[in-house]
N, C-alpha and C. Protein backbone atom coordinates (compact mmCIF):
# COMPACT_ATOMS: atom_id res chain seq x y z
N MET A 1 24.85 26.01 3.72
CA MET A 1 26.20 26.53 3.86
C MET A 1 26.32 27.18 5.23
N ASN A 2 27.36 26.85 5.96
CA ASN A 2 27.64 27.46 7.25
C ASN A 2 28.65 28.57 7.06
N LEU A 3 28.18 29.81 7.20
CA LEU A 3 29.03 30.97 6.96
C LEU A 3 29.53 31.57 8.26
N ILE A 4 30.74 32.10 8.20
CA ILE A 4 31.28 32.89 9.30
C ILE A 4 31.87 34.15 8.70
N TYR A 5 31.62 35.28 9.34
CA TYR A 5 32.19 36.54 8.88
C TYR A 5 33.41 36.87 9.71
N HIS A 6 34.50 37.15 9.02
CA HIS A 6 35.71 37.61 9.70
C HIS A 6 36.58 38.32 8.68
N SER A 7 37.30 39.34 9.11
CA SER A 7 38.18 40.04 8.19
C SER A 7 39.32 40.69 8.95
N LEU A 8 40.40 40.90 8.22
CA LEU A 8 41.48 41.75 8.70
C LEU A 8 41.09 43.15 8.26
N ARG A 9 40.74 43.98 9.21
CA ARG A 9 40.23 45.30 8.89
C ARG A 9 41.34 46.20 8.36
N LEU A 10 40.94 47.13 7.51
CA LEU A 10 41.89 48.12 7.01
C LEU A 10 42.49 48.89 8.19
N ARG A 11 43.80 49.04 8.17
CA ARG A 11 44.55 49.73 9.22
C ARG A 11 44.37 49.11 10.60
N GLU A 12 44.16 47.78 10.60
CA GLU A 12 44.07 47.04 11.87
C GLU A 12 45.38 47.23 12.63
N GLY A 13 45.28 47.55 13.90
CA GLY A 13 46.46 47.79 14.73
C GLY A 13 46.93 49.23 14.67
N ILE A 14 46.41 49.99 13.72
CA ILE A 14 46.74 51.42 13.62
C ILE A 14 45.53 52.24 14.08
N GLN A 15 44.38 51.99 13.46
CA GLN A 15 43.15 52.67 13.85
C GLN A 15 42.35 51.84 14.87
N THR A 16 42.83 50.65 15.17
CA THR A 16 42.19 49.81 16.17
C THR A 16 43.25 49.34 17.16
N LYS A 17 42.81 48.77 18.26
CA LYS A 17 43.74 48.23 19.25
C LYS A 17 44.00 46.75 19.04
N PHE A 18 43.43 46.17 17.98
CA PHE A 18 43.55 44.74 17.76
C PHE A 18 44.83 44.41 17.01
N ASP A 19 45.44 43.30 17.36
CA ASP A 19 46.65 42.84 16.72
C ASP A 19 46.30 42.17 15.39
N PRO A 20 46.81 42.68 14.27
CA PRO A 20 46.48 42.07 12.98
C PRO A 20 46.88 40.60 12.89
N HIS A 21 47.91 40.20 13.62
CA HIS A 21 48.33 38.80 13.58
C HIS A 21 47.27 37.88 14.20
N THR A 22 46.55 38.40 15.20
CA THR A 22 45.47 37.62 15.79
C THR A 22 44.35 37.42 14.78
N ARG A 23 44.01 38.46 14.05
CA ARG A 23 42.98 38.35 13.01
C ARG A 23 43.42 37.34 11.94
N LEU A 24 44.67 37.42 11.52
CA LEU A 24 45.17 36.49 10.50
C LEU A 24 45.16 35.06 11.00
N ALA A 25 45.47 34.87 12.28
CA ALA A 25 45.43 33.52 12.85
C ALA A 25 44.00 32.98 12.86
N THR A 26 43.04 33.84 13.14
CA THR A 26 41.64 33.42 13.11
C THR A 26 41.22 33.06 11.70
N LEU A 27 41.63 33.86 10.72
CA LEU A 27 41.33 33.54 9.32
C LEU A 27 41.91 32.18 8.95
N SER A 28 43.11 31.91 9.42
CA SER A 28 43.74 30.62 9.15
C SER A 28 42.96 29.48 9.79
N ALA A 29 42.45 29.70 10.99
CA ALA A 29 41.64 28.67 11.66
C ALA A 29 40.36 28.41 10.90
N VAL A 30 39.75 29.45 10.36
CA VAL A 30 38.54 29.27 9.55
C VAL A 30 38.85 28.44 8.31
N GLU A 31 39.99 28.70 7.67
CA GLU A 31 40.39 27.93 6.49
C GLU A 31 40.47 26.43 6.80
N ARG A 32 40.89 26.09 8.01
CA ARG A 32 41.04 24.69 8.40
C ARG A 32 39.73 24.06 8.87
N SER A 33 38.69 24.87 8.98
CA SER A 33 37.40 24.39 9.49
C SER A 33 36.49 24.02 8.33
N ASN A 34 35.27 23.59 8.67
CA ASN A 34 34.28 23.29 7.64
C ASN A 34 33.35 24.47 7.40
N LEU A 35 33.74 25.65 7.87
CA LEU A 35 32.94 26.85 7.69
C LEU A 35 33.32 27.56 6.39
N SER A 36 32.36 28.24 5.79
CA SER A 36 32.60 29.04 4.60
C SER A 36 32.83 30.49 5.05
N LEU A 37 33.88 31.08 4.54
CA LEU A 37 34.30 32.40 4.99
C LEU A 37 33.67 33.51 4.17
N VAL A 38 33.11 34.49 4.89
CA VAL A 38 32.69 35.77 4.33
C VAL A 38 33.71 36.79 4.81
N ASN A 39 34.37 37.46 3.88
CA ASN A 39 35.51 38.30 4.22
C ASN A 39 35.50 39.52 3.30
N LEU A 40 35.15 40.68 3.84
CA LEU A 40 35.04 41.89 3.03
C LEU A 40 36.20 42.84 3.29
N ILE A 41 36.48 43.70 2.32
CA ILE A 41 37.39 44.81 2.54
C ILE A 41 36.60 45.81 3.37
N GLU A 42 37.08 46.09 4.58
CA GLU A 42 36.32 46.97 5.47
C GLU A 42 37.15 47.43 6.66
N PRO A 43 36.75 48.47 7.31
CA PRO A 43 35.75 49.46 6.97
C PRO A 43 36.37 50.53 6.08
N ILE A 44 35.87 50.68 4.91
CA ILE A 44 36.47 51.60 3.93
C ILE A 44 36.06 53.03 4.24
N GLY A 45 37.08 53.87 4.38
CA GLY A 45 36.88 55.29 4.60
C GLY A 45 37.57 56.09 3.51
N LEU A 46 37.40 57.38 3.55
CA LEU A 46 38.00 58.27 2.55
C LEU A 46 39.52 58.21 2.56
N GLU A 47 40.10 57.88 3.71
CA GLU A 47 41.55 57.90 3.85
C GLU A 47 42.25 56.68 3.25
N HIS A 48 41.51 55.65 2.91
CA HIS A 48 42.14 54.42 2.42
C HIS A 48 42.51 54.53 0.95
N THR A 49 43.76 54.17 0.66
CA THR A 49 44.30 54.29 -0.69
C THR A 49 43.97 53.05 -1.52
N ASN A 50 44.10 53.20 -2.82
CA ASN A 50 43.92 52.05 -3.72
C ASN A 50 44.89 50.93 -3.36
N GLU A 51 46.10 51.29 -3.00
CA GLU A 51 47.11 50.29 -2.65
C GLU A 51 46.71 49.51 -1.39
N GLU A 52 46.20 50.20 -0.38
CA GLU A 52 45.73 49.52 0.83
C GLU A 52 44.59 48.56 0.51
N ILE A 53 43.70 49.00 -0.34
CA ILE A 53 42.55 48.18 -0.70
C ILE A 53 43.01 46.96 -1.49
N ALA A 54 43.95 47.13 -2.42
CA ALA A 54 44.47 46.00 -3.19
C ALA A 54 45.21 45.02 -2.28
N ASP A 55 46.00 45.54 -1.34
CA ASP A 55 46.71 44.66 -0.40
C ASP A 55 45.72 43.87 0.46
N ALA A 56 44.66 44.53 0.91
CA ALA A 56 43.64 43.85 1.70
C ALA A 56 42.97 42.76 0.87
N TYR A 57 42.73 43.04 -0.39
CA TYR A 57 42.05 42.05 -1.21
C TYR A 57 42.96 40.86 -1.54
N GLU A 58 44.24 41.09 -1.61
CA GLU A 58 45.16 39.97 -1.81
C GLU A 58 45.08 39.01 -0.63
N ILE A 59 45.00 39.54 0.57
CA ILE A 59 44.85 38.69 1.77
C ILE A 59 43.54 37.92 1.69
N ILE A 60 42.48 38.60 1.28
CA ILE A 60 41.17 37.96 1.16
C ILE A 60 41.22 36.80 0.17
N LEU A 61 41.81 37.03 -0.98
CA LEU A 61 41.88 35.98 -2.01
C LEU A 61 42.74 34.80 -1.57
N ASN A 62 43.69 35.05 -0.69
CA ASN A 62 44.55 33.97 -0.18
C ASN A 62 43.96 33.30 1.06
N SER A 63 42.76 33.72 1.46
CA SER A 63 42.13 33.18 2.67
C SER A 63 40.98 32.24 2.38
N LYS A 64 40.93 31.68 1.18
CA LYS A 64 39.87 30.74 0.81
C LYS A 64 38.49 31.31 1.13
N THR A 65 38.29 32.54 0.69
CA THR A 65 37.04 33.24 0.94
C THR A 65 35.95 32.77 -0.01
N ASN A 66 34.75 32.58 0.50
CA ASN A 66 33.60 32.16 -0.32
C ASN A 66 32.75 33.34 -0.76
N VAL A 67 32.61 34.35 0.09
CA VAL A 67 31.86 35.56 -0.23
C VAL A 67 32.77 36.73 0.14
N SER A 68 32.96 37.65 -0.81
CA SER A 68 33.79 38.81 -0.53
C SER A 68 33.06 40.07 -0.94
N GLY A 69 33.78 41.16 -1.04
CA GLY A 69 33.19 42.43 -1.42
C GLY A 69 33.74 43.56 -0.59
N ALA A 70 32.89 44.56 -0.34
CA ALA A 70 33.36 45.77 0.33
C ALA A 70 32.28 46.33 1.26
N MET A 71 32.75 46.93 2.36
CA MET A 71 31.86 47.54 3.33
C MET A 71 32.39 48.93 3.67
N ALA A 72 31.52 49.91 3.59
CA ALA A 72 31.87 51.27 3.99
C ALA A 72 31.92 51.38 5.50
N ARG A 73 32.75 52.28 5.98
CA ARG A 73 32.71 52.62 7.40
C ARG A 73 31.54 53.58 7.57
N ILE A 74 30.63 53.25 8.44
CA ILE A 74 29.48 54.10 8.73
C ILE A 74 29.84 54.97 9.93
N PRO A 75 29.88 56.28 9.75
CA PRO A 75 30.23 57.15 10.88
C PRO A 75 29.22 57.04 12.02
N VAL A 76 29.72 56.77 13.19
CA VAL A 76 28.88 56.69 14.38
C VAL A 76 29.38 57.76 15.35
N ILE A 77 28.53 58.71 15.64
CA ILE A 77 28.89 59.82 16.52
C ILE A 77 29.36 59.28 17.86
N GLY A 78 30.48 59.83 18.33
CA GLY A 78 31.01 59.42 19.63
C GLY A 78 32.13 58.40 19.52
N THR A 79 32.35 57.86 18.32
CA THR A 79 33.46 56.93 18.13
C THR A 79 34.66 57.71 17.57
N PRO A 80 35.88 57.15 17.65
CA PRO A 80 37.06 57.90 17.20
C PRO A 80 36.98 58.42 15.75
N LEU A 81 36.32 57.70 14.86
CA LEU A 81 36.23 58.15 13.47
C LEU A 81 34.82 58.60 13.11
N GLY A 82 34.03 58.86 14.12
CA GLY A 82 32.63 59.21 13.91
C GLY A 82 32.39 60.53 13.22
N ASP A 83 33.38 61.41 13.22
CA ASP A 83 33.19 62.70 12.55
C ASP A 83 33.72 62.70 11.11
N HIS A 84 34.23 61.56 10.65
CA HIS A 84 34.71 61.44 9.27
C HIS A 84 33.53 61.11 8.35
N PRO A 85 33.43 61.76 7.20
CA PRO A 85 32.31 61.46 6.30
C PRO A 85 32.40 60.04 5.74
N GLN A 86 31.26 59.52 5.35
CA GLN A 86 31.20 58.19 4.75
C GLN A 86 31.72 58.25 3.32
N VAL A 87 32.39 57.18 2.89
CA VAL A 87 32.87 57.07 1.52
C VAL A 87 31.66 57.12 0.58
N SER A 88 31.84 57.66 -0.61
CA SER A 88 30.72 57.81 -1.55
C SER A 88 30.30 56.47 -2.15
N ASP A 89 29.05 56.42 -2.58
CA ASP A 89 28.56 55.23 -3.28
C ASP A 89 29.39 54.95 -4.53
N LYS A 90 29.83 56.01 -5.20
CA LYS A 90 30.64 55.85 -6.43
C LYS A 90 31.98 55.18 -6.11
N ARG A 91 32.65 55.63 -5.08
CA ARG A 91 33.93 55.03 -4.68
C ARG A 91 33.73 53.57 -4.29
N LEU A 92 32.69 53.31 -3.52
CA LEU A 92 32.42 51.94 -3.10
C LEU A 92 32.09 51.05 -4.30
N ALA A 93 31.36 51.58 -5.26
CA ALA A 93 31.03 50.82 -6.47
C ALA A 93 32.29 50.51 -7.28
N HIS A 94 33.23 51.44 -7.33
CA HIS A 94 34.49 51.17 -8.03
C HIS A 94 35.25 50.03 -7.34
N ILE A 95 35.22 50.01 -6.02
CA ILE A 95 35.88 48.94 -5.28
C ILE A 95 35.17 47.61 -5.53
N ILE A 96 33.85 47.64 -5.63
CA ILE A 96 33.10 46.42 -5.97
C ILE A 96 33.52 45.92 -7.35
N ALA A 97 33.64 46.82 -8.32
CA ALA A 97 34.06 46.41 -9.67
C ALA A 97 35.45 45.77 -9.61
N PHE A 98 36.35 46.35 -8.84
CA PHE A 98 37.69 45.78 -8.66
C PHE A 98 37.61 44.38 -8.06
N THR A 99 36.80 44.22 -7.00
CA THR A 99 36.71 42.89 -6.38
C THR A 99 36.10 41.87 -7.34
N ARG A 100 35.11 42.29 -8.12
CA ARG A 100 34.49 41.37 -9.09
C ARG A 100 35.52 40.92 -10.12
N LEU A 101 36.31 41.84 -10.64
CA LEU A 101 37.32 41.49 -11.65
C LEU A 101 38.47 40.68 -11.04
N ALA A 102 38.94 41.10 -9.88
CA ALA A 102 40.09 40.44 -9.26
C ALA A 102 39.76 39.04 -8.78
N SER A 103 38.50 38.77 -8.50
CA SER A 103 38.14 37.46 -7.93
C SER A 103 37.55 36.50 -8.95
N ALA A 104 37.60 36.85 -10.22
CA ALA A 104 37.03 35.99 -11.26
C ALA A 104 37.58 34.57 -11.14
N GLY A 105 36.67 33.60 -11.01
CA GLY A 105 37.07 32.20 -10.89
C GLY A 105 37.51 31.80 -9.50
N ILE A 106 37.58 32.74 -8.57
CA ILE A 106 38.02 32.44 -7.21
C ILE A 106 36.87 32.62 -6.21
N VAL A 107 36.22 33.78 -6.26
CA VAL A 107 35.11 34.10 -5.37
C VAL A 107 33.90 34.43 -6.24
N GLU A 108 32.83 33.68 -6.06
CA GLU A 108 31.65 33.87 -6.91
C GLU A 108 30.76 35.01 -6.43
N ASP A 109 30.59 35.14 -5.12
CA ASP A 109 29.65 36.11 -4.58
C ASP A 109 30.37 37.34 -4.05
N ILE A 110 29.90 38.51 -4.50
CA ILE A 110 30.49 39.79 -4.11
C ILE A 110 29.42 40.60 -3.39
N CYS A 111 29.71 40.92 -2.14
CA CYS A 111 28.76 41.60 -1.26
C CYS A 111 29.06 43.10 -1.19
N ILE A 112 28.01 43.90 -1.16
CA ILE A 112 28.13 45.33 -0.92
C ILE A 112 27.39 45.67 0.35
N HIS A 113 28.01 46.54 1.17
CA HIS A 113 27.40 46.90 2.45
C HIS A 113 27.81 48.31 2.81
N PRO A 114 26.92 49.28 2.91
CA PRO A 114 25.50 49.19 2.60
C PRO A 114 25.27 49.15 1.09
N VAL A 115 24.13 48.66 0.72
CA VAL A 115 23.80 48.45 -0.68
C VAL A 115 23.57 49.77 -1.41
N SER A 116 23.89 49.78 -2.71
CA SER A 116 23.55 50.90 -3.58
C SER A 116 23.28 50.34 -4.97
N ASP A 117 22.43 51.03 -5.71
CA ASP A 117 22.14 50.63 -7.09
C ASP A 117 23.43 50.58 -7.91
N LEU A 118 24.30 51.56 -7.71
CA LEU A 118 25.52 51.64 -8.49
C LEU A 118 26.42 50.43 -8.22
N ALA A 119 26.56 50.03 -6.97
CA ALA A 119 27.39 48.87 -6.63
C ALA A 119 26.84 47.59 -7.24
N ILE A 120 25.53 47.47 -7.27
CA ILE A 120 24.91 46.30 -7.91
C ILE A 120 25.22 46.33 -9.40
N SER A 121 25.13 47.50 -10.02
CA SER A 121 25.46 47.63 -11.44
C SER A 121 26.93 47.31 -11.72
N PHE A 122 27.79 47.54 -10.74
CA PHE A 122 29.23 47.33 -10.91
C PHE A 122 29.68 45.93 -10.50
N GLY A 123 28.73 45.04 -10.10
CA GLY A 123 29.12 43.66 -9.87
C GLY A 123 28.73 43.02 -8.56
N ALA A 124 28.15 43.75 -7.63
CA ALA A 124 27.71 43.13 -6.38
C ALA A 124 26.49 42.26 -6.65
N ASN A 125 26.49 41.05 -6.10
CA ASN A 125 25.32 40.18 -6.23
C ASN A 125 24.79 39.72 -4.87
N VAL A 126 25.33 40.30 -3.78
CA VAL A 126 24.91 39.97 -2.43
C VAL A 126 24.90 41.25 -1.61
N SER A 127 23.95 41.33 -0.70
CA SER A 127 23.98 42.37 0.32
C SER A 127 23.39 41.79 1.59
N VAL A 128 23.45 42.56 2.64
CA VAL A 128 23.03 42.09 3.95
C VAL A 128 22.10 43.13 4.56
N ILE A 129 21.05 42.65 5.17
CA ILE A 129 20.21 43.50 6.01
C ILE A 129 20.46 43.01 7.42
N GLU A 130 20.97 43.89 8.25
CA GLU A 130 21.24 43.48 9.62
C GLU A 130 20.63 44.49 10.57
N SER A 131 20.33 44.01 11.74
CA SER A 131 19.81 44.90 12.77
C SER A 131 20.16 44.30 14.12
N GLY A 132 20.03 45.11 15.12
CA GLY A 132 20.31 44.61 16.46
C GLY A 132 21.31 45.47 17.17
N ALA A 133 22.10 44.84 17.99
CA ALA A 133 23.03 45.54 18.86
C ALA A 133 24.32 45.89 18.13
N ILE A 134 24.20 46.72 17.12
CA ILE A 134 25.38 47.20 16.41
C ILE A 134 25.38 48.72 16.50
N PRO A 135 26.55 49.33 16.63
CA PRO A 135 26.60 50.78 16.87
C PRO A 135 25.90 51.62 15.79
N ARG A 136 25.95 51.19 14.54
CA ARG A 136 25.34 52.01 13.49
C ARG A 136 23.83 51.86 13.44
N ASP A 137 23.25 50.98 14.25
CA ASP A 137 21.80 50.82 14.33
C ASP A 137 21.25 51.73 15.42
N ASN A 138 21.35 53.02 15.19
CA ASN A 138 20.86 53.97 16.19
C ASN A 138 20.31 55.20 15.50
N LYS A 139 19.79 56.12 16.27
CA LYS A 139 19.16 57.30 15.69
C LYS A 139 20.13 58.16 14.89
N TYR A 140 21.44 58.06 15.14
CA TYR A 140 22.40 58.87 14.42
C TYR A 140 22.72 58.32 13.03
N SER A 141 22.47 57.05 12.81
CA SER A 141 22.88 56.43 11.56
C SER A 141 21.71 56.02 10.67
N GLN A 142 20.50 56.33 11.04
CA GLN A 142 19.34 55.86 10.26
C GLN A 142 19.41 56.30 8.80
N ASN A 143 19.80 57.54 8.54
CA ASN A 143 19.85 58.00 7.15
C ASN A 143 20.98 57.32 6.38
N ASN A 144 22.13 57.14 7.01
CA ASN A 144 23.25 56.49 6.34
C ASN A 144 23.00 55.01 6.08
N TRP A 145 22.30 54.36 7.00
CA TRP A 145 22.10 52.92 6.88
C TRP A 145 20.97 52.57 5.93
N LYS A 146 20.18 53.56 5.58
CA LYS A 146 19.15 53.48 4.55
C LYS A 146 17.90 52.73 4.97
N GLY A 147 17.87 52.06 6.08
CA GLY A 147 16.66 51.43 6.60
C GLY A 147 15.93 50.53 5.63
N LEU A 148 16.65 49.77 4.83
CA LEU A 148 16.03 48.91 3.82
C LEU A 148 15.41 47.65 4.41
N THR A 149 14.35 47.20 3.79
CA THR A 149 13.74 45.92 4.14
C THR A 149 14.18 44.88 3.11
N TYR A 150 13.86 43.62 3.39
CA TYR A 150 14.18 42.57 2.42
C TYR A 150 13.50 42.86 1.08
N LYS A 151 12.24 43.30 1.12
CA LYS A 151 11.53 43.59 -0.13
C LYS A 151 12.21 44.70 -0.92
N ASP A 152 12.69 45.73 -0.23
CA ASP A 152 13.42 46.82 -0.90
C ASP A 152 14.69 46.29 -1.57
N LEU A 153 15.43 45.52 -0.80
CA LEU A 153 16.69 44.98 -1.31
C LEU A 153 16.45 44.02 -2.47
N SER A 154 15.47 43.17 -2.34
CA SER A 154 15.12 42.23 -3.39
C SER A 154 14.76 42.97 -4.68
N LYS A 155 13.99 44.03 -4.56
CA LYS A 155 13.61 44.81 -5.74
C LYS A 155 14.83 45.43 -6.41
N MET A 156 15.78 45.94 -5.62
CA MET A 156 16.99 46.52 -6.18
C MET A 156 17.74 45.50 -7.05
N PHE A 157 17.88 44.29 -6.53
CA PHE A 157 18.59 43.25 -7.29
C PHE A 157 17.78 42.79 -8.50
N LYS A 158 16.49 42.61 -8.33
CA LYS A 158 15.63 42.18 -9.44
C LYS A 158 15.65 43.21 -10.57
N ASP A 159 15.65 44.50 -10.20
CA ASP A 159 15.70 45.56 -11.20
C ASP A 159 16.99 45.52 -12.02
N LYS A 160 18.03 44.89 -11.49
CA LYS A 160 19.31 44.76 -12.19
C LYS A 160 19.45 43.39 -12.86
N GLY A 161 18.37 42.59 -12.82
CA GLY A 161 18.38 41.31 -13.53
C GLY A 161 18.73 40.09 -12.72
N TYR A 162 18.87 40.24 -11.42
CA TYR A 162 19.20 39.10 -10.56
C TYR A 162 17.94 38.36 -10.13
N ASP A 163 18.06 37.05 -9.95
CA ASP A 163 17.07 36.28 -9.22
C ASP A 163 17.41 36.45 -7.76
N THR A 164 16.41 36.56 -6.90
CA THR A 164 16.70 36.83 -5.48
C THR A 164 16.08 35.78 -4.58
N TYR A 165 16.67 35.64 -3.41
CA TYR A 165 16.13 34.80 -2.35
C TYR A 165 16.73 35.29 -1.03
N ALA A 166 16.03 35.02 0.02
CA ALA A 166 16.50 35.40 1.34
C ALA A 166 17.21 34.23 1.98
N LYS A 167 18.31 34.52 2.66
CA LYS A 167 19.03 33.49 3.38
C LYS A 167 19.31 34.05 4.77
N LYS A 168 18.68 33.48 5.75
CA LYS A 168 18.88 33.95 7.11
C LYS A 168 20.10 33.24 7.68
N ILE A 169 21.08 34.05 8.10
CA ILE A 169 22.30 33.48 8.68
C ILE A 169 22.54 34.02 10.06
């Protein structure tokens, strides 16, 4: 499967300088391609309402998404929202439960980022371990990002009854 990650971010054009119409045009281009779309509700912060999250998920479901789910905004010191606390694991797990129920028969795989036991219990069956040149991969975010390895992540899913495998994308 050839995956591409793209999303219309929450409050795009309000909390970012990007034009939401450009993001939507890119999503439309992905739909016309032979790529499989990974499209999460993100970056979820404390300020985002249930209505905003539901509206974002409606766009996701209408974008021929193959893998969906939710991603928390990880506070990175020095960025405009870096002093805002991270959304709780409980709130993120509730959003995962919503995405699992709302996508029944439409999207099979529900991703949680960063991973938590609670989100897996509430319906997430995918997570991502990423590293490299990303702002949250620094000394300020090590505790928030949890520093998990593939073995750690695999154990979390196995403990919840999932069969696991690694897929490098």
